[in-house]
Amino acid sequence: MLSFHANAQRGVRIAYIDTEYILENVPEYQEATAQLDDKAQKWKNEIQSKLTDVEQKRKDLSNEKALLTKELIDEREEDITFEENEILDYQQKRFGPNGDLFIQKRQLMQPIQDQIFAAVQDMAEGRKYDFIFDKSSDAVMLYSAKQFDVSEQVLRSITRTSKRTQANSKAERKAAESEELIPEINEELEEREKALEEKKAERESAVEKRRQEILAAREAKKQEAEARRQKVLEDREKAKQAKLDARNNTEGAEKVEDEVTETVKTKTDEGTKTKAQLIEENRQKKLAEREERKKALEDRKKKILEERQQAQDSINNNN
């Protein structure tokens, strides 16, 4: 129970290795692979040469068919087919599923795989790993953080083992054995680092939350100022429309009154003034009225501009 409780508090420790990366960095494996590739290339060249010879024999037979009897043609075709089958058998022997290339690759891989397995076992026991996966295997790893990659440690372990095996003197063997194969794990240090990471994450979260609050308050103030500006504009538009309506009503009433006055006056003075005099007086009166209306419009326009400027100054002061 105590062991289970300790493991539960510690958490599951997981790591992975990349076998392909390890093999690419083992000199002995690379040398043996190069030799095997050279041998496979020689086999391929040999097979290709034999196939070329067979193809040439088939072409020669095709050119000589007119000069040969049926028995000779059948005999030579049989020989060509026999040679082709021999080439296919040889190709299968070298490159088939159980051929020489596959067997020699397996023999080449086996010692390295044993070393990798032994190094992984030692590392798992020394570092207290619960699982160690192989990234190069058939297992699908959708994501693998670099911090859990222990391929370099396994590669160093294999290199140290190779050095100890190849050491020729007692001093070299002693120096190789004195190297630290697996570093000790300081669980207290790991817990402290974990706590620091958690505090860092909490601090970053608090900073982000505060930043979002400031942005939200700033946006609210901006919307409030925009609402005030819209209200001022609407009030100004309403006042302008009210003034226009009042002016239109006043001008209508004045026009009716002037027409009535003009009619009465015309009837009164009709007997004493000529028609030309009446027309001229009426024209002069209309010109005077037009000037008065123009002046009144200028005064109202000036007043409206002053009110608009006052409203704009009020908005700027509020912001």
Protein backbone atom coordinates (compact mmCIF):
# COMPACT_ATOMS: atom_id res chain seq x y z
CA MET A 1 0.00 0.00 0.00
CA LEU A 2 2.83 2.41 0.82
CA SER A 3 4.51 1.61 -2.52
CA PHE A 4 1.25 2.16 -4.41
CA HIS A 5 0.68 5.46 -2.58
CA ALA A 6 4.21 6.63 -3.40
CA ASN A 7 3.80 5.75 -7.06
CA ALA A 8 0.46 7.55 -7.19
CA GLN A 9 2.03 10.69 -5.74
CA ARG A 10 5.05 10.49 -8.06
CA GLY A 11 2.98 10.06 -11.21
CA VAL A 12 3.58 7.84 -14.20
CA ARG A 13 7.02 8.31 -15.80
CA ILE A 14 7.03 7.84 -19.58
CA ALA A 15 9.79 8.11 -22.18
CA TYR A 16 10.45 6.99 -25.75
CA ILE A 17 13.36 6.17 -28.05
CA ASP A 18 13.89 6.44 -31.80
CA THR A 19 15.54 3.20 -32.92
CA GLU A 20 16.22 4.51 -36.41
CA TYR A 21 18.07 7.52 -35.00
CA ILE A 22 20.13 5.27 -32.70
CA LEU A 23 21.08 2.91 -35.53
CA GLU A 24 22.10 5.82 -37.76
CA ASN A 25 24.58 6.93 -35.09
CA VAL A 26 26.15 3.54 -34.29
CA PRO A 27 29.36 3.35 -36.40
CA GLU A 28 29.57 -0.45 -36.38
CA TYR A 29 26.02 -0.77 -37.67
CA GLN A 30 26.61 1.81 -40.39
CA GLU A 31 29.78 0.06 -41.58
CA ALA A 32 28.09 -3.34 -41.67
CA THR A 33 25.07 -1.83 -43.47
CA ALA A 34 27.33 -0.27 -46.10
CA GLN A 35 29.04 -3.62 -46.68
CA LEU A 36 25.69 -5.36 -46.97
CA ASP A 37 24.44 -2.70 -49.43
CA ASP A 38 27.53 -3.24 -51.58
CA LYS A 39 26.89 -6.96 -51.57
CA ALA A 40 23.22 -6.45 -52.50
CA GLN A 41 24.25 -4.13 -55.35
CA LYS A 42 26.60 -6.81 -56.70
CA TRP A 43 23.76 -9.33 -56.62
CA LYS A 44 21.49 -6.90 -58.48
CA ASN A 45 24.17 -6.27 -61.12
CA GLU A 46 24.66 -10.00 -61.54
CA ILE A 47 20.93 -10.59 -62.00
CA GLN A 48 20.63 -7.69 -64.44
CA SER A 49 23.55 -9.05 -66.51
CA LYS A 50 21.92 -12.47 -66.76
CA LEU A 51 18.58 -10.92 -67.74
CA THR A 52 20.33 -8.90 -70.46
CA ASP A 53 21.91 -12.07 -71.86
CA VAL A 54 18.55 -13.84 -71.92
CA GLU A 55 16.92 -10.87 -73.66
CA GLN A 56 19.67 -10.88 -76.28
CA LYS A 57 19.17 -14.61 -76.90
CA ARG A 58 15.44 -13.98 -77.36
CA LYS A 59 16.13 -11.24 -79.91
CA ASP A 60 18.60 -13.47 -81.79
CA LEU A 61 16.05 -16.26 -81.93
CA SER A 62 13.45 -13.86 -83.28
CA ASN A 63 15.82 -12.78 -86.06
CA GLU A 64 16.81 -16.36 -86.97
CA LYS A 65 13.38 -17.98 -86.88
CA ALA A 66 13.08 -17.91 -90.65
CA LEU A 67 16.26 -20.05 -90.99
CA LEU A 68 15.45 -22.60 -88.26
CA THR A 69 13.21 -25.61 -88.11
CA LYS A 70 10.32 -25.83 -85.67
CA GLU A 71 12.22 -28.37 -83.53
CA LEU A 72 15.24 -26.07 -83.18
CA ILE A 73 13.01 -23.08 -82.38
CA ASP A 74 11.18 -25.04 -79.66
CA GLU A 75 14.47 -26.28 -78.23
CA ARG A 76 16.01 -22.81 -78.02
CA GLU A 77 12.80 -21.31 -76.54
CA GLU A 78 12.87 -24.03 -73.91
CA ASP A 79 16.50 -23.19 -73.07
CA ILE A 80 15.66 -19.48 -72.76
CA THR A 81 12.69 -20.21 -70.49
CA PHE A 82 14.87 -22.49 -68.34
CA GLU A 83 17.47 -19.72 -67.95
CA GLU A 84 14.77 -17.19 -67.01
CA ASN A 85 13.43 -19.51 -64.31
CA GLU A 86 16.95 -19.97 -62.96
CA ILE A 87 17.38 -16.20 -62.76
CA LEU A 88 14.05 -15.83 -60.92
CA ASP A 89 15.06 -18.57 -58.47
CA TYR A 90 18.40 -16.85 -57.88
CA GLN A 91 16.66 -13.51 -57.35
CA GLN A 92 14.29 -15.09 -54.83
CA LYS A 93 17.23 -16.70 -53.04
CA ARG A 94 19.00 -13.36 -52.66
CA PHE A 95 16.10 -10.91 -52.16
CA GLY A 96 13.09 -13.03 -51.16
CA PRO A 97 11.34 -12.92 -47.76
CA ASN A 98 13.71 -15.63 -46.50
CA GLY A 99 16.58 -14.70 -48.78
CA ASP A 100 20.20 -13.96 -48.00
CA LEU A 101 19.66 -10.19 -47.76
CA PHE A 102 16.85 -10.53 -45.20
CA ILE A 103 18.76 -13.08 -43.13
CA GLN A 104 21.96 -11.04 -43.06
CA LYS A 105 20.04 -7.88 -42.15
CA ARG A 106 18.43 -9.70 -39.26
CA GLN A 107 21.79 -11.06 -38.14
CA LEU A 108 23.22 -7.55 -38.37
CA MET A 109 20.33 -6.01 -36.43
CA GLN A 110 20.14 -8.56 -33.65
CA PRO A 111 23.25 -7.53 -31.65
CA ILE A 112 22.37 -3.83 -31.88
CA GLN A 113 18.77 -4.52 -30.88
CA ASP A 114 20.02 -6.57 -27.90
CA GLN A 115 22.25 -3.66 -26.83
CA ILE A 116 19.36 -1.21 -27.20
CA PHE A 117 17.06 -3.48 -25.19
CA ALA A 118 19.66 -3.89 -22.44
CA ALA A 119 20.29 -0.13 -22.27
CA VAL A 120 16.54 0.57 -22.12
CA GLN A 121 16.12 -1.98 -19.33
CA ASP A 122 18.94 -0.43 -17.29
CA MET A 123 17.60 3.08 -17.85
CA ALA A 124 14.04 2.09 -16.91
CA GLU A 125 15.26 0.57 -13.65
CA GLY A 126 17.69 3.36 -12.82
CA ARG A 127 15.35 6.25 -13.66
CA LYS A 128 12.19 4.50 -12.48
CA TYR A 129 10.34 4.76 -15.81
CA ASP A 130 6.99 3.03 -16.05
CA PHE A 131 6.81 2.94 -19.88
CA ILE A 132 9.38 3.41 -22.66
CA PHE A 133 8.02 3.35 -26.22
CA ASP A 134 9.79 2.99 -29.56
CA LYS A 135 8.93 5.82 -31.95
CA SER A 136 10.13 3.77 -34.94
CA SER A 137 7.87 0.78 -34.21
CA ASP A 138 4.38 0.12 -35.56
CA ALA A 139 2.81 1.94 -32.58
CA VAL A 140 1.27 5.21 -33.76
CA MET A 141 2.59 8.22 -31.83
CA LEU A 142 0.55 11.23 -32.89
CA TYR A 143 2.67 13.57 -30.76
CA SER A 144 5.92 13.12 -28.81
CA ALA A 145 7.50 15.93 -26.79
CA LYS A 146 11.28 16.18 -27.22
CA GLN A 147 11.81 16.31 -23.46
CA PHE A 148 10.75 12.65 -23.16
CA ASP A 149 13.15 11.45 -25.88
CA VAL A 150 15.91 9.34 -24.26
CA SER A 151 17.47 8.16 -27.53
CA GLU A 152 20.68 10.10 -26.81
CA GLN A 153 21.08 8.44 -23.40
CA VAL A 154 20.58 5.00 -24.92
CA LEU A 155 23.09 5.83 -27.67
CA ARG A 156 25.65 6.97 -25.10
CA SER A 157 25.08 3.78 -23.13
CA ILE A 158 25.71 1.65 -26.24
CA THR A 159 28.84 3.69 -27.04
CA ARG A 160 30.19 3.22 -23.52
CA THR A 161 29.54 -0.50 -23.70
CA SER A 162 31.37 -0.66 -27.03
CA LYS A 163 34.33 1.24 -25.56
CA ARG A 164 34.53 -1.13 -22.60
CA THR A 165 34.41 -4.13 -24.94
CA GLN A 166 37.18 -2.78 -27.13
CA ALA A 167 39.42 -1.61 -24.28
CA ASN A 168 42.82 -3.31 -24.53
CA SER A 169 44.35 -2.31 -21.25
CA LYS A 170 43.29 -2.44 -17.65
CA ALA A 171 43.57 1.34 -17.35
CA GLU A 172 41.19 1.86 -20.28
CA ARG A 173 38.68 -0.61 -18.84
CA LYS A 174 38.86 1.12 -15.47
CA ALA A 175 38.33 4.55 -17.07
CA ALA A 176 35.36 3.27 -19.05
CA GLU A 177 33.77 1.62 -15.99
CA SER A 178 34.20 4.81 -13.94
CA GLU A 179 31.90 6.70 -16.34
CA GLU A 180 28.45 7.28 -14.96
CA LEU A 181 26.12 5.15 -17.07
CA ILE A 182 22.79 6.29 -15.60
CA PRO A 183 22.51 9.53 -13.63
CA GLU A 184 20.75 9.39 -10.30
CA ILE A 185 17.29 10.93 -10.10
CA ASN A 186 16.74 13.62 -7.47
CA GLU A 187 13.02 13.33 -6.78
CA GLU A 188 13.08 16.33 -4.41
CA LEU A 189 14.58 18.50 -7.16
CA GLU A 190 11.97 17.26 -9.63
CA GLU A 191 9.15 18.11 -7.21
CA ARG A 192 10.58 21.59 -6.67
CA GLU A 193 10.88 22.19 -10.41
CA LYS A 194 7.33 20.95 -10.89
CA ALA A 195 6.06 23.38 -8.21
CA LEU A 196 7.92 26.26 -9.89
CA GLU A 197 6.35 25.38 -13.23
CA GLU A 198 2.88 25.36 -11.66
CA LYS A 199 3.46 28.77 -10.04
CA LYS A 200 4.70 30.16 -13.34
CA ALA A 201 1.58 28.89 -15.10
CA GLU A 202 -0.68 30.43 -12.41
CA ARG A 203 1.13 33.77 -12.69
CA GLU A 204 0.79 33.82 -16.45
CA SER A 205 -2.90 32.96 -16.14
CA ALA A 206 -3.46 35.83 -13.66
CA VAL A 207 -1.63 38.30 -15.93
CA GLU A 208 -3.73 37.25 -18.90
CA LYS A 209 -6.94 37.55 -16.87
CA ARG A 210 -6.00 41.08 -15.74
CA ARG A 211 -5.18 42.07 -19.31
CA GLN A 212 -8.58 40.86 -20.50
CA GLU A 213 -10.32 42.84 -17.71
CA ILE A 214 -8.48 46.04 -18.72
CA LEU A 215 -9.41 45.53 -22.35
CA ALA A 216 -13.06 44.94 -21.42
CA ALA A 217 -13.19 48.11 -19.27
CA ARG A 218 -11.60 50.13 -22.04
CA GLU A 219 -14.12 48.83 -24.57
CA ALA A 220 -17.01 49.66 -22.22
CA LYS A 221 -15.79 53.26 -21.85
CA LYS A 222 -15.44 53.55 -25.60
CA GLN A 223 -19.00 52.32 -26.15
CA GLU A 224 -20.33 54.70 -23.48
CA ALA A 225 -18.63 57.72 -25.14
CA GLU A 226 -20.00 56.65 -28.51
CA ALA A 227 -23.52 56.42 -27.05
CA ARG A 228 -23.23 59.95 -25.60
CA ARG A 229 -22.04 61.30 -28.93
CA GLN A 230 -24.96 59.68 -30.76
CA LYS A 231 -27.43 61.14 -28.24
CA VAL A 232 -26.00 64.65 -28.69
CA LEU A 233 -26.28 64.33 -32.46
CA GLU A 234 -29.88 63.11 -32.20
CA ASP A 235 -30.84 65.96 -29.86
CA ARG A 236 -29.22 68.45 -32.19
CA GLU A 237 -31.09 67.04 -35.18
CA LYS A 238 -34.42 67.21 -33.30
CA ALA A 239 -33.81 70.86 -32.31
CA LYS A 240 -32.90 71.71 -35.88
CA GLN A 241 -36.06 70.07 -37.21
CA ALA A 242 -38.19 71.88 -34.60
CA LYS A 243 -36.75 75.23 -35.63
CA LEU A 244 -37.39 74.51 -39.29
CA ASP A 245 -40.99 73.57 -38.53
CA ALA A 246 -41.49 76.75 -36.46
CA ARG A 247 -39.97 78.87 -39.20
CA ASN A 248 -42.20 77.31 -41.86
CA ASN A 249 -45.29 77.94 -39.72
CA THR A 250 -44.27 81.58 -39.10
CA GLU A 251 -43.57 82.25 -42.76
CA GLY A 252 -46.96 80.77 -43.72
CA ALA A 253 -48.82 82.97 -41.26
CA GLU A 254 -46.91 86.10 -42.35
CA LYS A 255 -47.62 85.32 -46.00
CA VAL A 256 -51.39 85.02 -45.37
CA GLU A 257 -51.41 88.25 -43.35
CA ASP A 258 -49.49 90.13 -46.04
CA GLU A 259 -51.85 88.91 -48.72
CA VAL A 260 -54.89 90.05 -46.73
CA THR A 261 -53.29 93.44 -46.01
CA GLU A 262 -52.31 93.87 -49.61
CA THR A 263 -55.82 93.07 -50.79
CA VAL A 264 -57.41 95.58 -48.39
CA LYS A 265 -54.88 98.26 -49.26
CA THR A 266 -55.33 97.68 -52.94
CA LYS A 267 -59.05 98.05 -52.64
CA THR A 268 -58.67 101.24 -50.53
CA ASP A 269 -56.18 102.96 -52.82
CA GLU A 270 -57.61 101.59 -56.03
CA GLY A 271 -59.48 104.72 -56.84
CA THR A 272 -56.53 107.14 -56.26
CA LYS A 273 -53.43 105.15 -57.70
CA THR A 274 -52.79 103.98 -61.21
CA LYS A 275 -52.20 100.32 -62.05
CA ALA A 276 -48.48 100.92 -62.75
CA GLN A 277 -48.00 102.56 -59.37
CA LEU A 278 -49.70 99.67 -57.63
CA ILE A 279 -47.50 97.13 -59.41
CA GLU A 280 -44.30 99.00 -58.55
CA GLU A 281 -45.27 99.36 -54.88
CA ASN A 282 -46.06 95.68 -54.71
CA ARG A 283 -42.67 94.80 -56.29
CA GLN A 284 -40.77 97.04 -53.88
CA LYS A 285 -42.61 95.51 -50.96
CA LYS A 286 -41.73 91.99 -52.09
CA LEU A 287 -38.07 92.95 -52.49
CA ALA A 288 -38.05 94.40 -48.98
CA GLU A 289 -39.68 91.26 -47.59
CA ARG A 290 -37.17 89.06 -49.42
CA GLU A 291 -34.27 91.00 -47.90
CA GLU A 292 -35.78 90.68 -44.46
CA ARG A 293 -36.23 86.90 -44.86
CA LYS A 294 -32.67 86.55 -46.16
CA LYS A 295 -31.34 88.44 -43.15
CA ALA A 296 -33.46 86.31 -40.80
CA LEU A 297 -32.12 83.11 -42.44
CA GLU A 298 -28.53 84.33 -42.05
CA ASP A 299 -29.13 85.06 -38.36
CA ARG A 300 -30.67 81.63 -37.78
CA LYS A 301 -27.83 79.89 -39.66
CA LYS A 302 -25.27 81.72 -37.55
CA LYS A 303 -27.10 80.74 -34.37
CA ILE A 304 -27.29 77.07 -35.43
CA LEU A 305 -23.53 77.01 -36.16
CA GLU A 306 -22.81 78.50 -32.74
CA GLU A 307 -24.98 75.86 -31.05
CA ARG A 308 -23.29 73.05 -33.02
CA GLN A 309 -19.84 74.32 -32.00
CA GLN A 310 -20.94 74.45 -28.36
CA ALA A 311 -22.20 70.85 -28.56
CA GLN A 312 -18.90 69.67 -30.12
CA ASP A 313 -16.91 71.43 -27.39
CA SER A 314 -19.10 69.70 -24.78
CA ILE A 315 -18.38 66.27 -26.33
CA ASN A 316 -14.65 66.92 -26.41
CA ASN A 317 -14.66 67.98 -22.76
CA ASN A 318 -16.55 64.84 -21.74
CA ASN A 319 -14.06 62.57 -23.56
